[in-house]
Amino acid sequence: MFLARVRPLLPTPGALWVDPAAGRSTLDLYVWPDERTATPATWQEVRRAPGVHVGWAWHDDDGQAFWLTRDNPAAATAVVRETWLGTGTRHAVYETPEGPRLALVHCHGPCNHDADHLRHLAADLAACSPGPAAVFPDRLPGLHGIAFTYEEGRSALRRNDHLTTVSWDVPLRRSTAAALVAHAVRMAAAA
């Protein structure tokens, strides 16, 4: 998952009336959560990248930005088993039908996502690599109304008045947090 920041092209030296750079821009892509190192990209590269989804744009102190998520091909084999409860829905997510459970997602009240979002979450969790401990953000740029909390082995994702809790069956690594953040971005983009 990337945070993309729009960088306008600098004016062309010596161009008086017709500047070829006017209104044009490039992108700086930041891999979440490391927003210190940018990879430059063009709009054409992003547009032509297979399975990349562009979220809505917003403006903040650093200019215009948007989130990019990518389809995970392993989502095609991921499994979501649902149990409807009186107060919501519980989703158990698995990498494969015979694989171990990766997480238990409990929607308190109506669900904010569809099975495709959960299959991508399962595929992203299955691909999590060993690494630093998880860092769960309180909020993300551009995701208004979405807040994250983490307590006692569970994460909570609050979107406006809806609460979703996640009980983790995988080690809590930075890549685990990135999978949850990508899930939130996909949910918000679909709304």
N, C-alpha and C. Protein backbone atom coordinates (compact mmCIF):
# COMPACT_ATOMS: atom_id res chain seq x y z
N MET A 1 0.85 -1.17 0.00
CA MET A 1 0.00 0.00 0.00
C MET A 1 0.89 1.23 0.00
N PHE A 2 0.49 2.20 -0.80
CA PHE A 2 1.28 3.42 -0.94
C PHE A 2 0.44 4.64 -0.61
N LEU A 3 1.09 5.63 -0.04
CA LEU A 3 0.54 6.97 0.05
C LEU A 3 1.17 7.72 -1.12
N ALA A 4 0.35 8.23 -2.02
CA ALA A 4 0.85 8.96 -3.19
C ALA A 4 0.64 10.45 -2.97
N ARG A 5 1.70 11.20 -3.13
CA ARG A 5 1.63 12.66 -3.02
C ARG A 5 1.92 13.27 -4.38
N VAL A 6 1.07 14.19 -4.79
CA VAL A 6 1.19 14.85 -6.09
C VAL A 6 2.21 15.97 -5.98
N ARG A 7 3.16 15.98 -6.91
CA ARG A 7 4.20 17.01 -6.94
C ARG A 7 4.13 17.75 -8.27
N PRO A 8 3.65 19.01 -8.26
CA PRO A 8 3.58 19.78 -9.51
C PRO A 8 4.97 19.96 -10.12
N LEU A 9 5.02 19.95 -11.45
CA LEU A 9 6.29 20.19 -12.13
C LEU A 9 6.68 21.65 -11.98
N LEU A 10 7.96 21.89 -11.89
CA LEU A 10 8.46 23.26 -11.78
C LEU A 10 8.27 23.98 -13.11
N PRO A 11 8.07 25.28 -13.08
CA PRO A 11 7.92 26.03 -14.34
C PRO A 11 9.16 25.87 -15.21
N THR A 12 8.95 25.87 -16.50
CA THR A 12 10.04 25.75 -17.46
C THR A 12 10.77 27.09 -17.56
N PRO A 13 12.09 27.09 -17.33
CA PRO A 13 12.82 28.36 -17.43
C PRO A 13 12.69 28.96 -18.84
N GLY A 14 12.41 30.23 -18.89
CA GLY A 14 12.32 30.93 -20.16
C GLY A 14 10.97 30.85 -20.85
N ALA A 15 10.06 30.02 -20.35
CA ALA A 15 8.73 29.93 -20.98
C ALA A 15 7.89 31.09 -20.47
N LEU A 16 7.40 31.90 -21.39
CA LEU A 16 6.63 33.07 -20.99
C LEU A 16 5.13 32.79 -20.99
N TRP A 17 4.56 32.47 -22.14
CA TRP A 17 3.11 32.34 -22.22
C TRP A 17 2.64 30.89 -22.22
N VAL A 18 3.38 30.03 -22.89
CA VAL A 18 2.96 28.63 -22.98
C VAL A 18 4.03 27.77 -22.32
N ASP A 19 3.77 27.37 -21.11
CA ASP A 19 4.73 26.56 -20.36
C ASP A 19 4.29 25.10 -20.44
N PRO A 20 5.12 24.21 -21.02
CA PRO A 20 4.72 22.80 -21.11
C PRO A 20 4.55 22.13 -19.74
N ALA A 21 5.12 22.70 -18.69
CA ALA A 21 4.99 22.11 -17.36
C ALA A 21 3.71 22.57 -16.65
N ALA A 22 3.05 23.58 -17.17
CA ALA A 22 1.88 24.13 -16.49
C ALA A 22 0.79 23.06 -16.34
N GLY A 23 0.31 22.90 -15.12
CA GLY A 23 -0.77 21.96 -14.85
C GLY A 23 -0.35 20.50 -14.84
N ARG A 24 0.93 20.21 -14.97
CA ARG A 24 1.41 18.83 -14.99
C ARG A 24 2.08 18.50 -13.66
N SER A 25 2.13 17.20 -13.37
CA SER A 25 2.70 16.80 -12.08
C SER A 25 3.25 15.39 -12.17
N THR A 26 4.03 15.04 -11.16
CA THR A 26 4.50 13.67 -10.97
C THR A 26 4.02 13.22 -9.59
N LEU A 27 4.38 12.01 -9.22
CA LEU A 27 3.95 11.46 -7.94
C LEU A 27 5.15 11.03 -7.12
N ASP A 28 5.05 11.19 -5.83
CA ASP A 28 5.99 10.58 -4.88
C ASP A 28 5.21 9.50 -4.15
N LEU A 29 5.70 8.26 -4.21
CA LEU A 29 5.03 7.13 -3.57
C LEU A 29 5.77 6.76 -2.30
N TYR A 30 5.03 6.68 -1.21
CA TYR A 30 5.58 6.31 0.09
C TYR A 30 4.94 5.00 0.52
N VAL A 31 5.77 4.01 0.85
CA VAL A 31 5.24 2.75 1.36
C VAL A 31 4.82 2.99 2.80
N TRP A 32 3.57 2.65 3.12
CA TRP A 32 3.12 2.84 4.50
C TRP A 32 3.76 1.78 5.37
N PRO A 33 4.25 2.06 6.55
CA PRO A 33 4.15 3.29 7.32
C PRO A 33 5.37 4.20 7.19
N ASP A 34 6.33 3.86 6.34
CA ASP A 34 7.54 4.66 6.21
C ASP A 34 7.29 5.81 5.24
N GLU A 35 6.93 6.96 5.78
CA GLU A 35 6.62 8.10 4.93
C GLU A 35 7.81 9.05 4.83
N ARG A 36 9.02 8.51 5.00
CA ARG A 36 10.22 9.34 4.90
C ARG A 36 10.89 9.21 3.54
N THR A 37 10.81 8.05 2.92
CA THR A 37 11.51 7.82 1.66
C THR A 37 10.49 7.67 0.53
N ALA A 38 10.61 8.53 -0.45
CA ALA A 38 9.67 8.52 -1.57
C ALA A 38 10.31 7.89 -2.80
N THR A 39 9.47 7.21 -3.57
CA THR A 39 9.86 6.69 -4.87
C THR A 39 9.11 7.50 -5.91
N PRO A 40 9.82 8.17 -6.83
CA PRO A 40 9.11 8.96 -7.84
C PRO A 40 8.40 8.05 -8.84
N ALA A 41 7.26 8.50 -9.32
CA ALA A 41 6.49 7.76 -10.32
C ALA A 41 5.73 8.74 -11.19
N THR A 42 5.33 8.26 -12.34
CA THR A 42 4.51 9.08 -13.23
C THR A 42 3.07 8.60 -13.16
N TRP A 43 2.17 9.44 -13.61
CA TRP A 43 0.76 9.05 -13.65
C TRP A 43 0.57 7.85 -14.56
N GLN A 44 1.31 7.79 -15.67
CA GLN A 44 1.18 6.68 -16.60
C GLN A 44 1.62 5.37 -15.94
N GLU A 45 2.68 5.40 -15.16
CA GLU A 45 3.14 4.18 -14.48
C GLU A 45 2.07 3.66 -13.51
N VAL A 46 1.46 4.57 -12.78
CA VAL A 46 0.42 4.16 -11.83
C VAL A 46 -0.80 3.65 -12.58
N ARG A 47 -1.19 4.36 -13.63
CA ARG A 47 -2.38 3.97 -14.39
C ARG A 47 -2.21 2.61 -15.05
N ARG A 48 -1.01 2.31 -15.50
CA ARG A 48 -0.76 1.05 -16.22
C ARG A 48 -0.41 -0.12 -15.31
N ALA A 49 -0.20 0.12 -14.04
CA ALA A 49 0.17 -0.97 -13.12
C ALA A 49 -1.05 -1.88 -12.92
N PRO A 50 -0.91 -3.17 -13.17
CA PRO A 50 -2.06 -4.07 -13.05
C PRO A 50 -2.53 -4.21 -11.60
N GLY A 51 -3.84 -4.18 -11.42
CA GLY A 51 -4.43 -4.42 -10.11
C GLY A 51 -4.27 -3.29 -9.11
N VAL A 52 -3.87 -2.11 -9.55
CA VAL A 52 -3.71 -0.98 -8.63
C VAL A 52 -5.00 -0.17 -8.61
N HIS A 53 -5.42 0.19 -7.41
CA HIS A 53 -6.65 0.98 -7.24
C HIS A 53 -6.29 2.31 -6.61
N VAL A 54 -6.78 3.38 -7.22
CA VAL A 54 -6.53 4.73 -6.75
C VAL A 54 -7.70 5.14 -5.87
N GLY A 55 -7.40 5.57 -4.65
CA GLY A 55 -8.43 6.07 -3.75
C GLY A 55 -8.76 7.52 -4.09
N TRP A 56 -9.68 8.11 -3.34
CA TRP A 56 -10.05 9.49 -3.57
C TRP A 56 -8.92 10.40 -3.13
N ALA A 57 -8.92 11.61 -3.66
CA ALA A 57 -7.85 12.57 -3.36
C ALA A 57 -8.28 13.51 -2.25
N TRP A 58 -7.30 14.03 -1.54
CA TRP A 58 -7.54 15.03 -0.51
C TRP A 58 -6.37 16.00 -0.49
N HIS A 59 -6.56 17.13 0.15
CA HIS A 59 -5.51 18.13 0.33
C HIS A 59 -5.19 18.23 1.81
N ASP A 60 -3.90 18.33 2.12
CA ASP A 60 -3.47 18.60 3.48
C ASP A 60 -2.30 19.58 3.41
N ASP A 61 -1.57 19.73 4.50
CA ASP A 61 -0.46 20.69 4.53
C ASP A 61 0.64 20.37 3.52
N ASP A 62 0.75 19.11 3.11
CA ASP A 62 1.78 18.71 2.14
C ASP A 62 1.28 18.71 0.70
N GLY A 63 0.05 19.14 0.47
CA GLY A 63 -0.48 19.20 -0.89
C GLY A 63 -1.53 18.13 -1.13
N GLN A 64 -1.73 17.79 -2.41
CA GLN A 64 -2.73 16.80 -2.79
C GLN A 64 -2.14 15.40 -2.63
N ALA A 65 -2.99 14.46 -2.17
CA ALA A 65 -2.52 13.09 -1.95
C ALA A 65 -3.68 12.11 -2.12
N PHE A 66 -3.34 10.83 -2.24
CA PHE A 66 -4.34 9.76 -2.29
C PHE A 66 -3.65 8.45 -1.94
N TRP A 67 -4.45 7.44 -1.60
CA TRP A 67 -3.94 6.11 -1.27
C TRP A 67 -4.00 5.22 -2.50
N LEU A 68 -3.01 4.35 -2.65
CA LEU A 68 -2.99 3.32 -3.69
C LEU A 68 -2.98 1.96 -3.01
N THR A 69 -3.87 1.09 -3.44
CA THR A 69 -3.85 -0.30 -2.98
C THR A 69 -3.72 -1.19 -4.20
N ARG A 70 -3.25 -2.39 -3.96
CA ARG A 70 -3.06 -3.34 -5.06
C ARG A 70 -3.84 -4.61 -4.75
N ASP A 71 -4.44 -5.19 -5.79
CA ASP A 71 -5.09 -6.48 -5.62
C ASP A 71 -4.05 -7.52 -5.26
N ASN A 72 -4.41 -8.41 -4.37
CA ASN A 72 -3.53 -9.52 -4.01
C ASN A 72 -4.07 -10.76 -4.73
N PRO A 73 -3.30 -11.35 -5.66
CA PRO A 73 -3.80 -12.50 -6.42
C PRO A 73 -4.20 -13.67 -5.52
N ALA A 74 -3.59 -13.79 -4.35
CA ALA A 74 -3.91 -14.89 -3.44
C ALA A 74 -5.31 -14.75 -2.84
N ALA A 75 -5.95 -13.60 -3.03
CA ALA A 75 -7.31 -13.41 -2.51
C ALA A 75 -8.29 -14.37 -3.19
N ALA A 76 -7.95 -14.83 -4.38
CA ALA A 76 -8.85 -15.75 -5.10
C ALA A 76 -9.02 -17.07 -4.37
N THR A 77 -8.01 -17.49 -3.59
CA THR A 77 -8.11 -18.76 -2.87
C THR A 77 -8.39 -18.58 -1.38
N ALA A 78 -8.43 -17.33 -0.92
CA ALA A 78 -8.72 -17.08 0.49
C ALA A 78 -10.17 -17.42 0.80
N VAL A 79 -10.41 -17.75 2.06
CA VAL A 79 -11.74 -18.19 2.49
C VAL A 79 -12.22 -17.31 3.64
N VAL A 80 -13.49 -16.95 3.59
CA VAL A 80 -14.13 -16.21 4.68
C VAL A 80 -15.32 -17.03 5.14
N ARG A 81 -15.34 -17.37 6.42
CA ARG A 81 -16.47 -18.10 7.00
C ARG A 81 -17.20 -17.15 7.93
N GLU A 82 -18.49 -16.97 7.66
CA GLU A 82 -19.28 -15.98 8.39
C GLU A 82 -20.25 -16.64 9.35
N THR A 83 -20.42 -15.99 10.49
CA THR A 83 -21.43 -16.38 11.46
C THR A 83 -22.22 -15.13 11.81
N TRP A 84 -23.51 -15.18 11.57
CA TRP A 84 -24.35 -14.03 11.91
C TRP A 84 -24.75 -14.14 13.36
N LEU A 85 -24.52 -13.08 14.10
CA LEU A 85 -24.86 -13.01 15.51
C LEU A 85 -26.02 -12.04 15.67
N GLY A 86 -26.62 -12.02 16.82
CA GLY A 86 -27.74 -11.11 17.04
C GLY A 86 -27.35 -9.65 16.94
N THR A 87 -26.09 -9.34 17.24
CA THR A 87 -25.65 -7.94 17.25
C THR A 87 -24.67 -7.61 16.14
N GLY A 88 -24.41 -8.54 15.26
CA GLY A 88 -23.44 -8.27 14.19
C GLY A 88 -23.05 -9.55 13.48
N THR A 89 -21.88 -9.52 12.88
CA THR A 89 -21.39 -10.66 12.10
C THR A 89 -19.94 -10.94 12.49
N ARG A 90 -19.61 -12.22 12.59
CA ARG A 90 -18.24 -12.62 12.86
C ARG A 90 -17.70 -13.31 11.61
N HIS A 91 -16.54 -12.89 11.15
CA HIS A 91 -15.90 -13.44 9.96
C HIS A 91 -14.58 -14.08 10.37
N ALA A 92 -14.41 -15.34 10.06
CA ALA A 92 -13.12 -16.01 10.24
C ALA A 92 -12.45 -16.02 8.88
N VAL A 93 -11.21 -15.53 8.80
CA VAL A 93 -10.52 -15.44 7.51
C VAL A 93 -9.36 -16.43 7.48
N TYR A 94 -9.23 -17.10 6.33
CA TYR A 94 -8.24 -18.15 6.11
C TYR A 94 -7.55 -17.92 4.78
N GLU A 95 -6.27 -18.31 4.70
CA GLU A 95 -5.55 -18.20 3.43
C GLU A 95 -6.11 -19.18 2.41
N THR A 96 -6.40 -20.40 2.84
CA THR A 96 -6.95 -21.45 1.98
C THR A 96 -8.02 -22.20 2.77
N PRO A 97 -8.85 -23.00 2.09
CA PRO A 97 -9.91 -23.72 2.82
C PRO A 97 -9.37 -24.63 3.93
N GLU A 98 -8.20 -25.24 3.73
CA GLU A 98 -7.67 -26.14 4.76
C GLU A 98 -6.60 -25.49 5.63
N GLY A 99 -6.32 -24.22 5.39
CA GLY A 99 -5.27 -23.53 6.15
C GLY A 99 -5.74 -23.07 7.52
N PRO A 100 -4.80 -22.63 8.35
CA PRO A 100 -5.17 -22.15 9.69
C PRO A 100 -5.87 -20.79 9.61
N ARG A 101 -6.66 -20.51 10.63
CA ARG A 101 -7.33 -19.21 10.69
C ARG A 101 -6.27 -18.13 10.90
N LEU A 102 -6.44 -17.00 10.21
CA LEU A 102 -5.50 -15.89 10.31
C LEU A 102 -6.00 -14.80 11.26
N ALA A 103 -7.31 -14.59 11.26
CA ALA A 103 -7.89 -13.56 12.13
C ALA A 103 -9.38 -13.80 12.25
N LEU A 104 -9.94 -13.26 13.30
CA LEU A 104 -11.38 -13.29 13.52
C LEU A 104 -11.84 -11.84 13.51
N VAL A 105 -12.67 -11.49 12.54
CA VAL A 105 -13.15 -10.12 12.36
C VAL A 105 -14.60 -10.07 12.81
N HIS A 106 -14.89 -9.21 13.78
CA HIS A 106 -16.24 -9.10 14.32
C HIS A 106 -16.79 -7.71 14.02
N CYS A 107 -17.85 -7.70 13.22
CA CYS A 107 -18.54 -6.45 12.90
C CYS A 107 -19.66 -6.25 13.91
N HIS A 108 -19.55 -5.23 14.71
CA HIS A 108 -20.58 -4.91 15.70
C HIS A 108 -21.62 -4.05 14.99
N GLY A 109 -22.77 -4.61 14.73
CA GLY A 109 -23.77 -3.91 13.93
C GLY A 109 -23.60 -4.30 12.47
N PRO A 110 -24.10 -3.48 11.55
CA PRO A 110 -24.01 -3.84 10.13
C PRO A 110 -22.56 -3.89 9.64
N CYS A 111 -22.30 -4.79 8.68
CA CYS A 111 -20.96 -4.92 8.11
C CYS A 111 -20.63 -3.71 7.25
N ASN A 112 -19.36 -3.30 7.29
CA ASN A 112 -18.88 -2.19 6.48
C ASN A 112 -18.13 -2.66 5.25
N HIS A 113 -18.11 -3.94 4.99
CA HIS A 113 -17.30 -4.46 3.89
C HIS A 113 -17.99 -5.66 3.27
N ASP A 114 -17.43 -6.10 2.15
CA ASP A 114 -17.96 -7.31 1.53
C ASP A 114 -16.91 -8.42 1.63
N ALA A 115 -17.26 -9.59 1.16
CA ALA A 115 -16.36 -10.75 1.27
C ALA A 115 -15.06 -10.52 0.50
N ASP A 116 -15.11 -9.76 -0.59
CA ASP A 116 -13.89 -9.49 -1.36
C ASP A 116 -12.87 -8.73 -0.52
N HIS A 117 -13.33 -7.74 0.26
CA HIS A 117 -12.42 -7.01 1.15
C HIS A 117 -11.78 -7.96 2.15
N LEU A 118 -12.57 -8.86 2.70
CA LEU A 118 -12.04 -9.80 3.69
C LEU A 118 -11.09 -10.82 3.07
N ARG A 119 -11.35 -11.25 1.84
CA ARG A 119 -10.42 -12.17 1.17
C ARG A 119 -9.08 -11.47 0.92
N HIS A 120 -9.12 -10.20 0.56
CA HIS A 120 -7.86 -9.46 0.40
C HIS A 120 -7.14 -9.31 1.74
N LEU A 121 -7.89 -9.07 2.81
CA LEU A 121 -7.27 -9.01 4.13
C LEU A 121 -6.60 -10.34 4.46
N ALA A 122 -7.29 -11.45 4.19
CA ALA A 122 -6.71 -12.78 4.45
C ALA A 122 -5.44 -12.99 3.63
N ALA A 123 -5.48 -12.64 2.36
CA ALA A 123 -4.30 -12.82 1.50
C ALA A 123 -3.15 -11.94 1.97
N ASP A 124 -3.45 -10.71 2.37
CA ASP A 124 -2.40 -9.82 2.88
C ASP A 124 -1.81 -10.35 4.18
N LEU A 125 -2.66 -10.89 5.06
CA LEU A 125 -2.16 -11.44 6.33
C LEU A 125 -1.30 -12.68 6.08
N ALA A 126 -1.71 -13.51 5.13
CA ALA A 126 -0.94 -14.72 4.83
C ALA A 126 0.44 -14.37 4.29
N ALA A 127 0.55 -13.22 3.64
CA ALA A 127 1.83 -12.80 3.06
C ALA A 127 2.69 -12.01 4.04
N CYS A 128 2.21 -11.82 5.27
CA CYS A 128 2.98 -11.04 6.25
C CYS A 128 4.32 -11.70 6.51
N SER A 129 5.32 -10.87 6.57
CA SER A 129 6.67 -11.37 6.78
C SER A 129 7.15 -11.02 8.18
N PRO A 130 8.14 -11.78 8.67
CA PRO A 130 8.72 -11.41 9.96
C PRO A 130 9.32 -10.01 9.86
N GLY A 131 9.28 -9.31 10.93
CA GLY A 131 9.83 -7.96 10.91
C GLY A 131 9.56 -7.27 12.23
N PRO A 132 9.66 -5.95 12.21
CA PRO A 132 9.46 -5.18 13.44
C PRO A 132 8.05 -5.36 13.99
N ALA A 133 7.91 -5.03 15.26
CA ALA A 133 6.60 -5.13 15.92
C ALA A 133 5.60 -4.20 15.24
N ALA A 134 4.34 -4.55 15.39
CA ALA A 134 3.26 -3.77 14.77
C ALA A 134 3.20 -2.37 15.34
N VAL A 135 2.93 -1.43 14.47
CA VAL A 135 2.66 -0.05 14.86
C VAL A 135 1.30 0.29 14.27
N PHE A 136 0.30 0.37 15.14
CA PHE A 136 -1.04 0.68 14.67
C PHE A 136 -1.27 2.18 14.79
N PRO A 137 -1.66 2.82 13.71
CA PRO A 137 -1.87 4.27 13.77
C PRO A 137 -3.18 4.59 14.49
N ASP A 138 -3.29 5.81 14.99
CA ASP A 138 -4.58 6.26 15.52
C ASP A 138 -5.49 6.62 14.36
N ARG A 139 -4.93 7.34 13.40
CA ARG A 139 -5.66 7.78 12.21
C ARG A 139 -4.69 7.77 11.03
N LEU A 140 -5.27 7.81 9.84
CA LEU A 140 -4.48 7.90 8.62
C LEU A 140 -4.85 9.16 7.86
N PRO A 141 -3.89 9.75 7.16
CA PRO A 141 -4.23 10.92 6.35
C PRO A 141 -5.30 10.58 5.32
N GLY A 142 -6.26 11.46 5.16
CA GLY A 142 -7.28 11.29 4.14
C GLY A 142 -8.40 10.34 4.47
N LEU A 143 -8.30 9.58 5.54
CA LEU A 143 -9.37 8.65 5.93
C LEU A 143 -10.16 9.28 7.07
N HIS A 144 -11.00 10.22 6.72
CA HIS A 144 -11.78 10.92 7.72
C HIS A 144 -12.84 9.99 8.30
N GLY A 145 -13.02 10.05 9.59
CA GLY A 145 -14.03 9.24 10.25
C GLY A 145 -13.57 7.83 10.56
N ILE A 146 -12.30 7.49 10.30
CA ILE A 146 -11.79 6.15 10.60
C ILE A 146 -10.70 6.28 11.66
N ALA A 147 -10.84 5.51 12.74
CA ALA A 147 -9.86 5.52 13.82
C ALA A 147 -9.47 4.09 14.16
N PHE A 148 -8.23 3.90 14.57
CA PHE A 148 -7.70 2.59 14.95
C PHE A 148 -7.32 2.61 16.42
N THR A 149 -7.56 1.49 17.10
CA THR A 149 -7.04 1.30 18.46
C THR A 149 -6.54 -0.14 18.56
N TYR A 150 -5.69 -0.38 19.54
CA TYR A 150 -5.16 -1.72 19.76
C TYR A 150 -5.09 -1.96 21.26
N GLU A 151 -5.70 -3.07 21.69
CA GLU A 151 -5.68 -3.44 23.11
C GLU A 151 -5.70 -4.95 23.24
N GLU A 152 -4.82 -5.48 24.05
CA GLU A 152 -4.83 -6.89 24.46
C GLU A 152 -5.04 -7.87 23.31
N GLY A 153 -4.23 -7.79 22.28
CA GLY A 153 -4.29 -8.74 21.18
C GLY A 153 -5.41 -8.51 20.18
N ARG A 154 -6.14 -7.41 20.33
CA ARG A 154 -7.22 -7.10 19.40
C ARG A 154 -7.05 -5.68 18.87
N SER A 155 -7.40 -5.52 17.63
CA SER A 155 -7.42 -4.19 17.03
C SER A 155 -8.87 -3.79 16.83
N ALA A 156 -9.12 -2.51 16.91
CA ALA A 156 -10.46 -2.00 16.65
C ALA A 156 -10.36 -0.96 15.54
N LEU A 157 -11.28 -1.06 14.63
CA LEU A 157 -11.38 -0.14 13.51
C LEU A 157 -12.75 0.50 13.62
N ARG A 158 -12.76 1.79 13.92
CA ARG A 158 -14.03 2.50 14.07
C ARG A 158 -14.20 3.40 12.86
N ARG A 159 -15.32 3.20 12.18
CA ARG A 159 -15.64 4.02 11.01
C ARG A 159 -16.97 4.69 11.27
N ASN A 160 -16.91 5.98 11.54
CA ASN A 160 -18.08 6.74 11.94
C ASN A 160 -18.73 6.04 13.13
N ASP A 161 -19.94 5.51 13.00
CA ASP A 161 -20.61 4.86 14.13
C ASP A 161 -20.45 3.35 14.13
N HIS A 162 -19.70 2.79 13.19
CA HIS A 162 -19.54 1.34 13.08
C HIS A 162 -18.23 0.90 13.71
N LEU A 163 -18.28 -0.21 14.43
CA LEU A 163 -17.10 -0.75 15.09
C LEU A 163 -16.81 -2.14 14.55
N THR A 164 -15.56 -2.37 14.17
CA THR A 164 -15.08 -3.69 13.75
C THR A 164 -13.87 -4.02 14.61
N THR A 165 -13.89 -5.19 15.25
CA THR A 165 -12.73 -5.63 16.03
C THR A 165 -12.08 -6.81 15.32
N VAL A 166 -10.77 -6.90 15.46
CA VAL A 166 -10.01 -7.98 14.84
C VAL A 166 -9.19 -8.67 15.92
N SER A 167 -9.43 -9.96 16.10
CA SER A 167 -8.60 -10.79 16.98
C SER A 167 -7.60 -11.50 16.09
N TRP A 168 -6.32 -11.32 16.39
CA TRP A 168 -5.26 -11.79 15.50
C TRP A 168 -4.83 -13.21 15.84
N ASP A 169 -4.70 -14.06 14.82
CA ASP A 169 -4.13 -15.39 14.97
C ASP A 169 -2.77 -15.47 14.32
N VAL A 170 -2.27 -14.35 13.84
CA VAL A 170 -0.94 -14.26 13.24
C VAL A 170 -0.10 -13.34 14.13
N PRO A 171 1.23 -13.46 14.06
CA PRO A 171 2.07 -12.56 14.85
C PRO A 171 1.83 -11.11 14.46
N LEU A 172 1.84 -10.25 15.45
CA LEU A 172 1.61 -8.83 15.19
C LEU A 172 2.92 -8.16 14.77
N ARG A 173 3.05 -7.98 13.49
CA ARG A 173 4.22 -7.36 12.90
C ARG A 173 3.79 -6.09 12.18
N ARG A 174 4.75 -5.34 11.71
CA ARG A 174 4.44 -4.14 10.94
C ARG A 174 3.61 -4.49 9.71
N SER A 175 3.90 -5.64 9.10
CA SER A 175 3.15 -6.06 7.91
C SER A 175 1.70 -6.41 8.27
N THR A 176 1.46 -6.87 9.51
CA THR A 176 0.09 -7.13 9.97
C THR A 176 -0.69 -5.82 10.04
N ALA A 177 -0.07 -4.80 10.62
CA ALA A 177 -0.72 -3.49 10.70
C ALA A 177 -0.97 -2.94 9.30
N ALA A 178 -0.02 -3.15 8.38
CA ALA A 178 -0.20 -2.67 7.00
C ALA A 178 -1.38 -3.38 6.34
N ALA A 179 -1.58 -4.67 6.63
CA ALA A 179 -2.72 -5.40 6.07
C ALA A 179 -4.03 -4.81 6.57
N LEU A 180 -4.10 -4.46 7.86
CA LEU A 180 -5.32 -3.86 8.40
C LEU A 180 -5.55 -2.47 7.81
N VAL A 181 -4.49 -1.70 7.67
CA VAL A 181 -4.62 -0.36 7.09
C VAL A 181 -5.08 -0.46 5.64
N ALA A 182 -4.51 -1.39 4.87
CA ALA A 182 -4.95 -1.58 3.48
C ALA A 182 -6.43 -1.98 3.44
N HIS A 183 -6.85 -2.80 4.39
CA HIS A 183 -8.26 -3.20 4.48
C HIS A 183 -9.14 -1.96 4.71
N ALA A 184 -8.72 -1.09 5.61
CA ALA A 184 -9.49 0.13 5.89
C ALA A 184 -9.55 1.04 4.67
N VAL A 185 -8.44 1.15 3.95
CA VAL A 185 -8.41 1.99 2.75
C VAL A 185 -9.34 1.42 1.68
N ARG A 186 -9.32 0.09 1.50
CA ARG A 186 -10.21 -0.54 0.51
C ARG A 186 -11.68 -0.32 0.89
N MET A 187 -11.99 -0.48 2.19
CA MET A 187 -13.37 -0.27 2.64
C MET A 187 -13.82 1.17 2.39
N ALA A 188 -12.95 2.12 2.72
CA ALA A 188 -13.31 3.53 2.56
C ALA A 188 -13.47 3.89 1.09
N ALA A 189 -12.62 3.33 0.24
CA ALA A 189 -12.70 3.63 -1.19
C ALA A 189 -13.97 3.07 -1.81
N ALA A 190 -14.48 1.97 -1.25
CA ALA A 190 -15.68 1.34 -1.80
C ALA A 190 -16.96 2.03 -1.32
N ALA A 191 -16.85 2.83 -0.28
CA ALA A 191 -18.05 3.47 0.29
C ALA A 191 -18.58 4.56 -0.60
